[in-house]
């Protein structure tokens, strides 16, 4: 994957997270604050817990930091997969955001 391909795929992922957050806020009582700063999105929940998603350009990875831990993802041509084999990005985000919000949330399509 070239740097430009990585940046295009990473931007699609971050945009999908932001759009999903807007949809979730419109359709649930989650009240998640989504803040974008360059290649990083921070989700802040009413209980003040956070999830941070950011690009790691030199490594061509997306990093996800939640209460449950830190995860690194690489694009496999179809999905962002954990470099340690613990699954797909949106599955982890859905699970951890649901735990932190105290509501069943779905960021993935």
PDB file of N, CA and C in Angstrom:
ATOM      1  N   UNK A   1       0.841  -1.175   0.000  1.00  0.00           N
ATOM      2  CA  UNK A   1       0.000   0.000   0.000  1.00  0.00           C
ATOM      3  C   UNK A   1       0.887   1.239   0.000  1.00  0.00           C
ATOM      4  N   UNK A   2       0.585   2.168  -0.870  1.00  0.00           N
ATOM      5  CA  UNK A   2       1.336   3.417  -0.914  1.00  0.00           C
ATOM      6  C   UNK A   2       0.827   4.366   0.179  1.00  0.00           C
ATOM      7  N   UNK A   3       1.594   5.417   0.421  1.00  0.00           N
ATOM      8  CA  UNK A   3       1.170   6.413   1.399  1.00  0.00           C
ATOM      9  C   UNK A   3      -0.168   7.032   1.005  1.00  0.00           C
ATOM     10  N   UNK A   4      -0.346   7.338  -0.281  1.00  0.00           N
ATOM     11  CA  UNK A   4      -1.603   7.945  -0.733  1.00  0.00           C
ATOM     12  C   UNK A   4      -2.776   6.990  -0.569  1.00  0.00           C
ATOM     13  N   UNK A   5      -2.572   5.708  -0.842  1.00  0.00           N
ATOM     14  CA  UNK A   5      -3.638   4.721  -0.654  1.00  0.00           C
ATOM     15  C   UNK A   5      -4.003   4.609   0.821  1.00  0.00           C
ATOM     16  N   UNK A   6      -2.982   4.587   1.683  1.00  0.00           N
ATOM     17  CA  UNK A   6      -3.249   4.542   3.116  1.00  0.00           C
ATOM     18  C   UNK A   6      -4.063   5.753   3.554  1.00  0.00           C
ATOM     19  N   UNK A   7      -3.630   6.940   3.147  1.00  0.00           N
ATOM     20  CA  UNK A   7      -4.329   8.154   3.567  1.00  0.00           C
ATOM     21  C   UNK A   7      -5.776   8.164   3.082  1.00  0.00           C
ATOM     22  N   UNK A   8      -6.020   7.679   1.876  1.00  0.00           N
ATOM     23  CA  UNK A   8      -7.388   7.621   1.356  1.00  0.00           C
ATOM     24  C   UNK A   8      -8.248   6.660   2.175  1.00  0.00           C
ATOM     25  N   UNK A   9      -7.725   5.481   2.470  1.00  0.00           N
ATOM     26  CA  UNK A   9      -8.474   4.497   3.252  1.00  0.00           C
ATOM     27  C   UNK A   9      -8.663   4.964   4.696  1.00  0.00           C
ATOM     28  N   UNK A  10      -7.636   5.570   5.280  1.00  0.00           N
ATOM     29  CA  UNK A  10      -7.728   6.067   6.653  1.00  0.00           C
ATOM     30  C   UNK A  10      -8.758   7.190   6.745  1.00  0.00           C
ATOM     31  N   UNK A  11      -8.782   8.068   5.758  1.00  0.00           N
ATOM     32  CA  UNK A  11      -9.760   9.157   5.750  1.00  0.00           C
ATOM     33  C   UNK A  11     -11.177   8.606   5.652  1.00  0.00           C
ATOM     34  N   UNK A  12     -11.385   7.592   4.828  1.00  0.00           N
ATOM     35  CA  UNK A  12     -12.706   6.965   4.724  1.00  0.00           C
ATOM     36  C   UNK A  12     -13.147   6.397   6.063  1.00  0.00           C
ATOM     37  N   UNK A  13     -12.216   5.770   6.779  1.00  0.00           N
ATOM     38  CA  UNK A  13     -12.536   5.188   8.085  1.00  0.00           C
ATOM     39  C   UNK A  13     -12.923   6.281   9.080  1.00  0.00           C
ATOM     40  N   UNK A  14     -12.113   7.319   9.178  1.00  0.00           N
ATOM     41  CA  UNK A  14     -12.400   8.381  10.146  1.00  0.00           C
ATOM     42  C   UNK A  14     -13.710   9.091   9.818  1.00  0.00           C
ATOM     43  N   UNK A  15     -13.974   9.314   8.545  1.00  0.00           N
ATOM     44  CA  UNK A  15     -15.234   9.931   8.133  1.00  0.00           C
ATOM     45  C   UNK A  15     -16.416   9.027   8.485  1.00  0.00           C
ATOM     46  N   UNK A  16     -16.257   7.721   8.286  1.00  0.00           N
ATOM     47  CA  UNK A  16     -17.327   6.771   8.631  1.00  0.00           C
ATOM     48  C   UNK A  16     -17.614   6.804  10.132  1.00  0.00           C
ATOM     49  N   UNK A  17     -16.578   6.923  10.950  1.00  0.00           N
ATOM     50  CA  UNK A  17     -16.763   7.012  12.405  1.00  0.00           C
ATOM     51  C   UNK A  17     -17.524   8.292  12.757  1.00  0.00           C
ATOM     52  N   UNK A  18     -17.121   9.411  12.164  1.00  0.00           N
ATOM     53  CA  UNK A  18     -17.802  10.686  12.448  1.00  0.00           C
ATOM     54  C   UNK A  18     -19.272  10.636  12.026  1.00  0.00           C
ATOM     55  N   UNK A  19     -19.538  10.106  10.853  1.00  0.00           N
ATOM     56  CA  UNK A  19     -20.922  10.015  10.372  1.00  0.00           C
ATOM     57  C   UNK A  19     -21.748   9.068  11.232  1.00  0.00           C
ATOM     58  N   UNK A  20     -21.148   7.963  11.653  1.00  0.00           N
ATOM     59  CA  UNK A  20     -21.856   7.024  12.526  1.00  0.00           C
ATOM     60  C   UNK A  20     -22.160   7.670  13.867  1.00  0.00           C
ATOM     61  N   UNK A  21     -21.237   8.460  14.375  1.00  0.00           N
ATOM     62  CA  UNK A  21     -21.466   9.154  15.648  1.00  0.00           C
ATOM     63  C   UNK A  21     -22.650  10.116  15.525  1.00  0.00           C
ATOM     64  N   UNK A  22     -22.725  10.842  14.424  1.00  0.00           N
ATOM     65  CA  UNK A  22     -23.860  11.744  14.196  1.00  0.00           C
ATOM     66  C   UNK A  22     -25.165  10.954  14.144  1.00  0.00           C
ATOM     67  N   UNK A  23     -25.153   9.832  13.420  1.00  0.00           N
ATOM     68  CA  UNK A  23     -26.347   8.986  13.303  1.00  0.00           C
ATOM     69  C   UNK A  23     -26.759   8.445  14.669  1.00  0.00           C
ATOM     70  N   UNK A  24     -25.790   7.969  15.438  1.00  0.00           N
ATOM     71  CA  UNK A  24     -26.064   7.427  16.776  1.00  0.00           C
ATOM     72  C   UNK A  24     -26.669   8.510  17.671  1.00  0.00           C
ATOM     73  N   UNK A  25     -26.112   9.711  17.626  1.00  0.00           N
ATOM     74  CA  UNK A  25     -26.634  10.808  18.452  1.00  0.00           C
ATOM     75  C   UNK A  25     -28.044  11.203  18.035  1.00  0.00           C
ATOM     76  N   UNK A  26     -28.340  11.113  16.746  1.00  0.00           N
ATOM     77  CA  UNK A  26     -29.681  11.447  16.261  1.00  0.00           C
ATOM     78  C   UNK A  26     -30.715  10.395  16.650  1.00  0.00           C
ATOM     79  N   UNK A  27     -30.284   9.139  16.788  1.00  0.00           N
ATOM     80  CA  UNK A  27     -31.231   8.034  16.970  1.00  0.00           C
ATOM     81  C   UNK A  27     -31.222   7.389  18.355  1.00  0.00           C
ATOM     82  N   UNK A  28     -30.323   7.820  19.230  1.00  0.00           N
ATOM     83  CA  UNK A  28     -30.246   7.236  20.573  1.00  0.00           C
ATOM     84  C   UNK A  28     -30.025   8.342  21.598  1.00  0.00           C
ATOM     85  N   UNK A  29     -29.942   7.949  22.845  1.00  0.00           N
ATOM     86  CA  UNK A  29     -29.630   8.885  23.924  1.00  0.00           C
ATOM     87  C   UNK A  29     -28.149   8.850  24.302  1.00  0.00           C
ATOM     88  N   UNK A  30     -27.297   8.377  23.400  1.00  0.00           N
ATOM     89  CA  UNK A  30     -25.877   8.191  23.711  1.00  0.00           C
ATOM     90  C   UNK A  30     -25.155   9.507  24.014  1.00  0.00           C
ATOM     91  N   UNK A  31     -25.450  10.578  23.292  1.00  0.00           N
ATOM     92  CA  UNK A  31     -24.831  11.889  23.501  1.00  0.00           C
ATOM     93  C   UNK A  31     -23.303  11.815  23.491  1.00  0.00           C
ATOM     94  N   UNK A  32     -22.753  11.307  22.394  1.00  0.00           N
ATOM     95  CA  UNK A  32     -21.302  11.189  22.221  1.00  0.00           C
ATOM     96  C   UNK A  32     -20.783  12.458  21.559  1.00  0.00           C
ATOM     97  N   UNK A  33     -19.766  13.057  22.153  1.00  0.00           N
ATOM     98  CA  UNK A  33     -19.119  14.223  21.563  1.00  0.00           C
ATOM     99  C   UNK A  33     -17.981  13.727  20.676  1.00  0.00           C
ATOM    100  N   UNK A  34     -18.015  14.075  19.403  1.00  0.00           N
ATOM    101  CA  UNK A  34     -16.998  13.666  18.443  1.00  0.00           C
ATOM    102  C   UNK A  34     -16.176  14.884  18.046  1.00  0.00           C
ATOM    103  N   UNK A  35     -14.878  14.828  18.273  1.00  0.00           N
ATOM    104  CA  UNK A  35     -13.976  15.919  17.919  1.00  0.00           C
ATOM    105  C   UNK A  35     -12.913  15.412  16.959  1.00  0.00           C
ATOM    106  N   UNK A  36     -12.727  16.124  15.844  1.00  0.00           N
ATOM    107  CA  UNK A  36     -11.726  15.752  14.841  1.00  0.00           C
ATOM    108  C   UNK A  36     -10.603  16.767  14.866  1.00  0.00           C
ATOM    109  N   UNK A  37      -9.378  16.262  14.892  1.00  0.00           N
ATOM    110  CA  UNK A  37      -8.201  17.109  14.802  1.00  0.00           C
ATOM    111  C   UNK A  37      -7.215  16.412  13.877  1.00  0.00           C
ATOM    112  N   UNK A  38      -7.159  16.851  12.631  1.00  0.00           N
ATOM    113  CA  UNK A  38      -6.280  16.227  11.646  1.00  0.00           C
ATOM    114  C   UNK A  38      -6.617  14.766  11.462  1.00  0.00           C
ATOM    115  N   UNK A  39      -5.668  13.895  11.718  1.00  0.00           N
ATOM    116  CA  UNK A  39      -5.849  12.465  11.559  1.00  0.00           C
ATOM    117  C   UNK A  39      -6.302  11.757  12.817  1.00  0.00           C
ATOM    118  N   UNK A  40      -6.972  12.489  13.715  1.00  0.00           N
ATOM    119  CA  UNK A  40      -7.408  11.886  14.974  1.00  0.00           C
ATOM    120  C   UNK A  40      -8.856  12.272  15.265  1.00  0.00           C
ATOM    121  N   UNK A  41      -9.628  11.278  15.731  1.00  0.00           N
ATOM    122  CA  UNK A  41     -10.992  11.499  16.189  1.00  0.00           C
ATOM    123  C   UNK A  41     -11.065  11.062  17.645  1.00  0.00           C
ATOM    124  N   UNK A  42     -11.604  11.940  18.491  1.00  0.00           N
ATOM    125  CA  UNK A  42     -11.807  11.625  19.899  1.00  0.00           C
ATOM    126  C   UNK A  42     -13.306  11.586  20.171  1.00  0.00           C
ATOM    127  N   UNK A  43     -13.769  10.470  20.707  1.00  0.00           N
ATOM    128  CA  UNK A  43     -15.158  10.312  21.113  1.00  0.00           C
ATOM    129  C   UNK A  43     -15.205  10.422  22.633  1.00  0.00           C
ATOM    130  N   UNK A  44     -16.012  11.345  23.132  1.00  0.00           N
ATOM    131  CA  UNK A  44     -16.145  11.536  24.574  1.00  0.00           C
ATOM    132  C   UNK A  44     -17.585  11.219  24.961  1.00  0.00           C
ATOM    133  N   UNK A  45     -17.725  10.351  25.939  1.00  0.00           N
ATOM    134  CA  UNK A  45     -19.027   9.867  26.390  1.00  0.00           C
ATOM    135  C   UNK A  45     -19.485  10.688  27.594  1.00  0.00           C
ATOM    136  N   UNK A  46     -20.797  10.674  27.907  1.00  0.00           N
ATOM    137  CA  UNK A  46     -21.296  11.457  29.044  1.00  0.00           C
ATOM    138  C   UNK A  46     -20.585  11.153  30.371  1.00  0.00           C
ATOM    139  N   UNK A  47     -20.072   9.935  30.542  1.00  0.00           N
ATOM    140  CA  UNK A  47     -19.358   9.588  31.775  1.00  0.00           C
ATOM    141  C   UNK A  47     -17.898  10.047  31.751  1.00  0.00           C
ATOM    142  N   UNK A  48     -17.544  10.835  30.713  1.00  0.00           N
ATOM    143  CA  UNK A  48     -16.214  11.419  30.512  1.00  0.00           C
ATOM    144  C   UNK A  48     -15.163  10.424  30.039  1.00  0.00           C
ATOM    145  N   UNK A  49     -15.545   9.180  29.807  1.00  0.00           N
ATOM    146  CA  UNK A  49     -14.588   8.248  29.208  1.00  0.00           C
ATOM    147  C   UNK A  49     -14.425   8.610  27.742  1.00  0.00           C
ATOM    148  N   UNK A  50     -13.294   8.211  27.178  1.00  0.00           N
ATOM    149  CA  UNK A  50     -12.997   8.558  25.792  1.00  0.00           C
ATOM    150  C   UNK A  50     -12.545   7.349  24.998  1.00  0.00           C
ATOM    151  N   UNK A  51     -12.735   7.457  23.693  1.00  0.00           N
ATOM    152  CA  UNK A  51     -12.140   6.550  22.716  1.00  0.00           C
ATOM    153  C   UNK A  51     -11.397   7.437  21.732  1.00  0.00           C
ATOM    154  N   UNK A  52     -10.149   7.096  21.469  1.00  0.00           N
ATOM    155  CA  UNK A  52      -9.328   7.884  20.551  1.00  0.00           C
ATOM    156  C   UNK A  52      -8.933   6.995  19.372  1.00  0.00           C
ATOM    157  N   UNK A  53      -9.146   7.518  18.170  1.00  0.00           N
ATOM    158  CA  UNK A  53      -8.801   6.817  16.934  1.00  0.00           C
ATOM    159  C   UNK A  53      -7.855   7.735  16.179  1.00  0.00           C
ATOM    160  N   UNK A  54      -6.682   7.228  15.816  1.00  0.00           N
ATOM    161  CA  UNK A  54      -5.772   8.091  15.080  1.00  0.00           C
ATOM    162  C   UNK A  54      -4.944   7.336  14.049  1.00  0.00           C
ATOM    163  N   UNK A  55      -4.538   8.085  13.046  1.00  0.00           N
ATOM    164  CA  UNK A  55      -3.704   7.542  11.977  1.00  0.00           C
ATOM    165  C   UNK A  55      -2.255   7.467  12.444  1.00  0.00           C
ATOM    166  N   UNK A  56      -1.609   6.396  12.088  1.00  0.00           N
ATOM    167  CA  UNK A  56      -0.166   6.271  12.272  1.00  0.00           C
ATOM    168  C   UNK A  56       0.421   6.144  10.868  1.00  0.00           C
ATOM    169  N   UNK A  57       0.644   7.299  10.232  1.00  0.00           N
ATOM    170  CA  UNK A  57       1.042   7.330   8.825  1.00  0.00           C
ATOM    171  C   UNK A  57       2.304   6.528   8.510  1.00  0.00           C
ATOM    172  N   UNK A  58       3.374   6.649   9.298  1.00  0.00           N
ATOM    173  CA  UNK A  58       4.595   5.914   8.938  1.00  0.00           C
ATOM    174  C   UNK A  58       4.403   4.390   8.938  1.00  0.00           C
ATOM    175  N   UNK A  59       3.471   3.912   9.773  1.00  0.00           N
ATOM    176  CA  UNK A  59       3.232   2.473   9.898  1.00  0.00           C
ATOM    177  C   UNK A  59       2.073   1.982   9.030  1.00  0.00           C
ATOM    178  N   UNK A  60       1.356   2.919   8.418  1.00  0.00           N
ATOM    179  CA  UNK A  60       0.138   2.599   7.651  1.00  0.00           C
ATOM    180  C   UNK A  60      -0.867   1.861   8.534  1.00  0.00           C
ATOM    181  N   UNK A  61      -1.031   2.382   9.747  1.00  0.00           N
ATOM    182  CA  UNK A  61      -1.949   1.778  10.707  1.00  0.00           C
ATOM    183  C   UNK A  61      -2.914   2.809  11.263  1.00  0.00           C
ATOM    184  N   UNK A  62      -4.034   2.303  11.743  1.00  0.00           N
ATOM    185  CA  UNK A  62      -4.985   3.073  12.546  1.00  0.00           C
ATOM    186  C   UNK A  62      -4.877   2.529  13.960  1.00  0.00           C
ATOM    187  N   UNK A  63      -4.748   3.410  14.923  1.00  0.00           N
ATOM    188  CA  UNK A  63      -4.685   2.997  16.316  1.00  0.00           C
ATOM    189  C   UNK A  63      -5.985   3.380  17.006  1.00  0.00           C
ATOM    190  N   UNK A  64      -6.473   2.464  17.827  1.00  0.00           N
ATOM    191  CA  UNK A  64      -7.709   2.641  18.577  1.00  0.00           C
ATOM    192  C   UNK A  64      -7.380   2.484  20.059  1.00  0.00           C
ATOM    193  N   UNK A  65      -7.697   3.504  20.853  1.00  0.00           N
ATOM    194  CA  UNK A  65      -7.473   3.448  22.295  1.00  0.00           C
ATOM    195  C   UNK A  65      -8.823   3.552  22.990  1.00  0.00           C
ATOM    196  N   UNK A  66      -9.137   2.529  23.802  1.00  0.00           N
ATOM    197  CA  UNK A  66     -10.389   2.488  24.552  1.00  0.00           C
ATOM    198  C   UNK A  66     -10.073   2.097  25.990  1.00  0.00           C
ATOM    199  N   UNK A  67     -11.103   2.045  26.817  1.00  0.00           N
ATOM    200  CA  UNK A  67     -10.880   1.600  28.198  1.00  0.00           C
ATOM    201  C   UNK A  67     -10.339   0.178  28.257  1.00  0.00           C
ATOM    202  N   UNK A  68     -10.694  -0.640  27.271  1.00  0.00           N
ATOM    203  CA  UNK A  68     -10.259  -2.042  27.294  1.00  0.00           C
ATOM    204  C   UNK A  68      -8.825  -2.226  26.829  1.00  0.00           C
ATOM    205  N   UNK A  69      -8.240  -1.205  26.201  1.00  0.00           N
ATOM    206  CA  UNK A  69      -6.854  -1.323  25.752  1.00  0.00           C
ATOM    207  C   UNK A  69      -6.580  -0.571  24.464  1.00  0.00           C
ATOM    208  N   UNK A  70      -5.392  -0.805  23.931  1.00  0.00           N
ATOM    209  CA  UNK A  70      -4.975  -0.172  22.680  1.00  0.00           C
ATOM    210  C   UNK A  70      -4.862  -1.222  21.592  1.00  0.00           C
ATOM    211  N   UNK A  71      -5.294  -0.864  20.386  1.00  0.00           N
ATOM    212  CA  UNK A  71      -5.337  -1.801  19.263  1.00  0.00           C
ATOM    213  C   UNK A  71      -4.776  -1.124  18.019  1.00  0.00           C
ATOM    214  N   UNK A  72      -4.079  -1.907  17.212  1.00  0.00           N
ATOM    215  CA  UNK A  72      -3.494  -1.415  15.973  1.00  0.00           C
ATOM    216  C   UNK A  72      -4.135  -2.165  14.815  1.00  0.00           C
ATOM    217  N   UNK A  73      -4.506  -1.415  13.764  1.00  0.00           N
ATOM    218  CA  UNK A  73      -5.209  -2.000  12.613  1.00  0.00           C
ATOM    219  C   UNK A  73      -4.506  -1.646  11.316  1.00  0.00           C
ATOM    220  N   UNK A  74      -4.484  -2.622  10.400  1.00  0.00           N
ATOM    221  CA  UNK A  74      -3.974  -2.420   9.038  1.00  0.00           C
ATOM    222  C   UNK A  74      -5.065  -2.799   8.054  1.00  0.00           C
ATOM    223  N   UNK A  75      -5.100  -2.077   6.946  1.00  0.00           N
ATOM    224  CA  UNK A  75      -6.093  -2.338   5.911  1.00  0.00           C
ATOM    225  C   UNK A  75      -5.639  -3.534   5.084  1.00  0.00           C
ATOM    226  N   UNK A  76      -6.524  -4.536   4.945  1.00  0.00           N
ATOM    227  CA  UNK A  76      -6.172  -5.762   4.211  1.00  0.00           C
ATOM    228  C   UNK A  76      -6.715  -5.769   2.775  1.00  0.00           C
ATOM    229  N   UNK A  77      -7.166  -4.621   2.321  1.00  0.00           N
ATOM    230  CA  UNK A  77      -7.767  -4.535   0.997  1.00  0.00           C
ATOM    231  C   UNK A  77      -9.283  -4.513   1.052  1.00  0.00           C
ATOM    232  N   UNK A  78      -9.844  -4.937   2.196  1.00  0.00           N
ATOM    233  CA  UNK A  78     -11.293  -4.971   2.383  1.00  0.00           C
ATOM    234  C   UNK A  78     -11.713  -4.335   3.701  1.00  0.00           C
ATOM    235  N   UNK A  79     -10.966  -4.625   4.764  1.00  0.00           N
ATOM    236  CA  UNK A  79     -11.316  -4.163   6.111  1.00  0.00           C
ATOM    237  C   UNK A  79     -10.044  -3.799   6.862  1.00  0.00           C
ATOM    238  N   UNK A  80     -10.236  -3.088   7.963  1.00  0.00           N
ATOM    239  CA  UNK A  80      -9.142  -2.796   8.881  1.00  0.00           C
ATOM    240  C   UNK A  80      -9.094  -3.929   9.902  1.00  0.00           C
ATOM    241  N   UNK A  81      -8.020  -4.704   9.879  1.00  0.00           N
ATOM    242  CA  UNK A  81      -7.864  -5.873  10.743  1.00  0.00           C
ATOM    243  C   UNK A  81      -6.794  -5.612  11.800  1.00  0.00           C
ATOM    244  N   UNK A  82      -7.027  -6.113  12.998  1.00  0.00           N
ATOM    245  CA  UNK A  82      -6.086  -5.963  14.104  1.00  0.00           C
ATOM    246  C   UNK A  82      -4.778  -6.682  13.782  1.00  0.00           C
ATOM    247  N   UNK A  83      -3.673  -6.025  14.043  1.00  0.00           N
ATOM    248  CA  UNK A  83      -2.361  -6.619  13.769  1.00  0.00           C
ATOM    249  C   UNK A  83      -2.047  -7.778  14.715  1.00  0.00           C
ATOM    250  N   UNK A  84      -2.791  -7.897  15.805  1.00  0.00           N
ATOM    251  CA  UNK A  84      -2.585  -8.990  16.767  1.00  0.00           C
ATOM    252  C   UNK A  84      -3.634 -10.082  16.622  1.00  0.00           C
ATOM    253  N   UNK A  85      -4.470  -9.973  15.585  1.00  0.00           N
ATOM    254  CA  UNK A  85      -5.439 -11.030  15.304  1.00  0.00           C
ATOM    255  C   UNK A  85      -6.728 -10.980  16.099  1.00  0.00           C
ATOM    256  N   UNK A  86      -7.045  -9.825  16.704  1.00  0.00           N
ATOM    257  CA  UNK A  86      -8.268  -9.778  17.518  1.00  0.00           C
ATOM    258  C   UNK A  86      -9.467  -9.210  16.766  1.00  0.00           C
ATOM    259  N   UNK A  87      -9.436  -9.240  15.445  1.00  0.00           N
ATOM    260  CA  UNK A  87     -10.635  -8.907  14.682  1.00  0.00           C
ATOM    261  C   UNK A  87     -10.611  -7.597  13.942  1.00  0.00           C
ATOM    262  N   UNK A  88     -11.789  -7.237  13.469  1.00  0.00           N
ATOM    263  CA  UNK A  88     -12.000  -6.084  12.602  1.00  0.00           C
ATOM    264  C   UNK A  88     -12.269  -4.832  13.433  1.00  0.00           C
ATOM    265  N   UNK A  89     -11.886  -3.683  12.904  1.00  0.00           N
ATOM    266  CA  UNK A  89     -11.959  -2.399  13.602  1.00  0.00           C
ATOM    267  C   UNK A  89     -13.355  -2.086  14.137  1.00  0.00           C
ATOM    268  N   UNK A  90     -14.380  -2.122  13.258  1.00  0.00           N
ATOM    269  CA  UNK A  90     -15.710  -1.702  13.697  1.00  0.00           C
ATOM    270  C   UNK A  90     -16.316  -2.653  14.722  1.00  0.00           C
ATOM    271  N   UNK A  91     -15.955  -3.921  14.684  1.00  0.00           N
ATOM    272  CA  UNK A  91     -16.446  -4.858  15.700  1.00  0.00           C
ATOM    273  C   UNK A  91     -15.922  -4.446  17.081  1.00  0.00           C
ATOM    274  N   UNK A  92     -14.642  -4.093  17.153  1.00  0.00           N
ATOM    275  CA  UNK A  92     -14.050  -3.652  18.426  1.00  0.00           C
ATOM    276  C   UNK A  92     -14.645  -2.308  18.853  1.00  0.00           C
ATOM    277  N   UNK A  93     -14.762  -1.371  17.918  1.00  0.00           N
ATOM    278  CA  UNK A  93     -15.332  -0.065  18.255  1.00  0.00           C
ATOM    279  C   UNK A  93     -16.762  -0.211  18.758  1.00  0.00           C
ATOM    280  N   UNK A  94     -17.574  -1.029  18.077  1.00  0.00           N
ATOM    281  CA  UNK A  94     -18.959  -1.251  18.522  1.00  0.00           C
ATOM    282  C   UNK A  94     -18.989  -1.784  19.955  1.00  0.00           C
ATOM    283  N   UNK A  95     -18.173  -2.788  20.228  1.00  0.00           N
ATOM    284  CA  UNK A  95     -18.173  -3.417  21.550  1.00  0.00           C
ATOM    285  C   UNK A  95     -17.720  -2.447  22.637  1.00  0.00           C
ATOM    286  N   UNK A  96     -16.610  -1.754  22.396  1.00  0.00           N
ATOM    287  CA  UNK A  96     -16.073  -0.878  23.431  1.00  0.00           C
ATOM    288  C   UNK A  96     -16.900   0.389  23.606  1.00  0.00           C
ATOM    289  N   UNK A  97     -17.421   0.951  22.524  1.00  0.00           N
ATOM    290  CA  UNK A  97     -18.281   2.132  22.643  1.00  0.00           C
ATOM    291  C   UNK A  97     -19.569   1.773  23.379  1.00  0.00           C
ATOM    292  N   UNK A  98     -20.108   0.587  23.111  1.00  0.00           N
ATOM    293  CA  UNK A  98     -21.317   0.143  23.814  1.00  0.00           C
ATOM    294  C   UNK A  98     -21.058   0.026  25.308  1.00  0.00           C
ATOM    295  N   UNK A  99     -19.930  -0.541  25.671  1.00  0.00           N
ATOM    296  CA  UNK A  99     -19.569  -0.673  27.081  1.00  0.00           C
ATOM    297  C   UNK A  99     -19.409   0.694  27.725  1.00  0.00           C
ATOM    298  N   UNK A 100     -18.690   1.588  27.059  1.00  0.00           N
ATOM    299  CA  UNK A 100     -18.433   2.902  27.644  1.00  0.00           C
ATOM    300  C   UNK A 100     -19.687   3.778  27.691  1.00  0.00           C
ATOM    301  N   UNK A 101     -20.611   3.587  26.757  1.00  0.00           N
ATOM    302  CA  UNK A 101     -21.844   4.379  26.737  1.00  0.00           C
ATOM    303  C   UNK A 101     -22.938   3.767  27.605  1.00  0.00           C
ATOM    304  N   UNK A 102     -22.831   2.471  27.885  1.00  0.00           N
ATOM    305  CA  UNK A 102     -23.898   1.792  28.617  1.00  0.00           C
ATOM    306  C   UNK A 102     -25.119   1.540  27.760  1.00  0.00           C
ATOM    307  N   UNK A 103     -24.937   1.602  26.442  1.00  0.00           N
ATOM    308  CA  UNK A 103     -26.011   1.353  25.461  1.00  0.00           C
ATOM    309  C   UNK A 103     -25.446   0.510  24.329  1.00  0.00           C
ATOM    310  N   UNK A 104     -26.283  -0.263  23.687  1.00  0.00           N
ATOM    311  CA  UNK A 104     -25.846  -1.016  22.508  1.00  0.00           C
ATOM    312  C   UNK A 104     -25.700  -0.036  21.348  1.00  0.00           C
ATOM    313  N   UNK A 105     -24.477   0.127  20.856  1.00  0.00           N
ATOM    314  CA  UNK A 105     -24.191   1.061  19.759  1.00  0.00           C
ATOM    315  C   UNK A 105     -23.597   0.301  18.589  1.00  0.00           C
ATOM    316  N   UNK A 106     -23.856   0.826  17.389  1.00  0.00           N
ATOM    317  CA  UNK A 106     -23.323   0.201  16.186  1.00  0.00           C
ATOM    318  C   UNK A 106     -22.747   1.285  15.277  1.00  0.00           C
ATOM    319  N   UNK A 107     -21.422   1.305  15.163  1.00  0.00           N
ATOM    320  CA  UNK A 107     -20.733   2.241  14.286  1.00  0.00           C
ATOM    321  C   UNK A 107     -20.568   1.657  12.890  1.00  0.00           C
ATOM    322  N   UNK A 108     -20.367   0.335  12.819  1.00  0.00           N
ATOM    323  CA  UNK A 108     -20.172  -0.321  11.519  1.00  0.00           C
ATOM    324  C   UNK A 108     -21.457  -0.405  10.748  1.00  0.00           C
ATOM    325  N   UNK A 109     -21.311  -0.665   9.440  1.00  0.00           N
ATOM    326  CA  UNK A 109     -22.508  -0.753   8.584  1.00  0.00           C
ATOM    327  C   UNK A 109     -23.230  -2.063   8.738  1.00  0.00           C
TER     328      UNK A 109
END
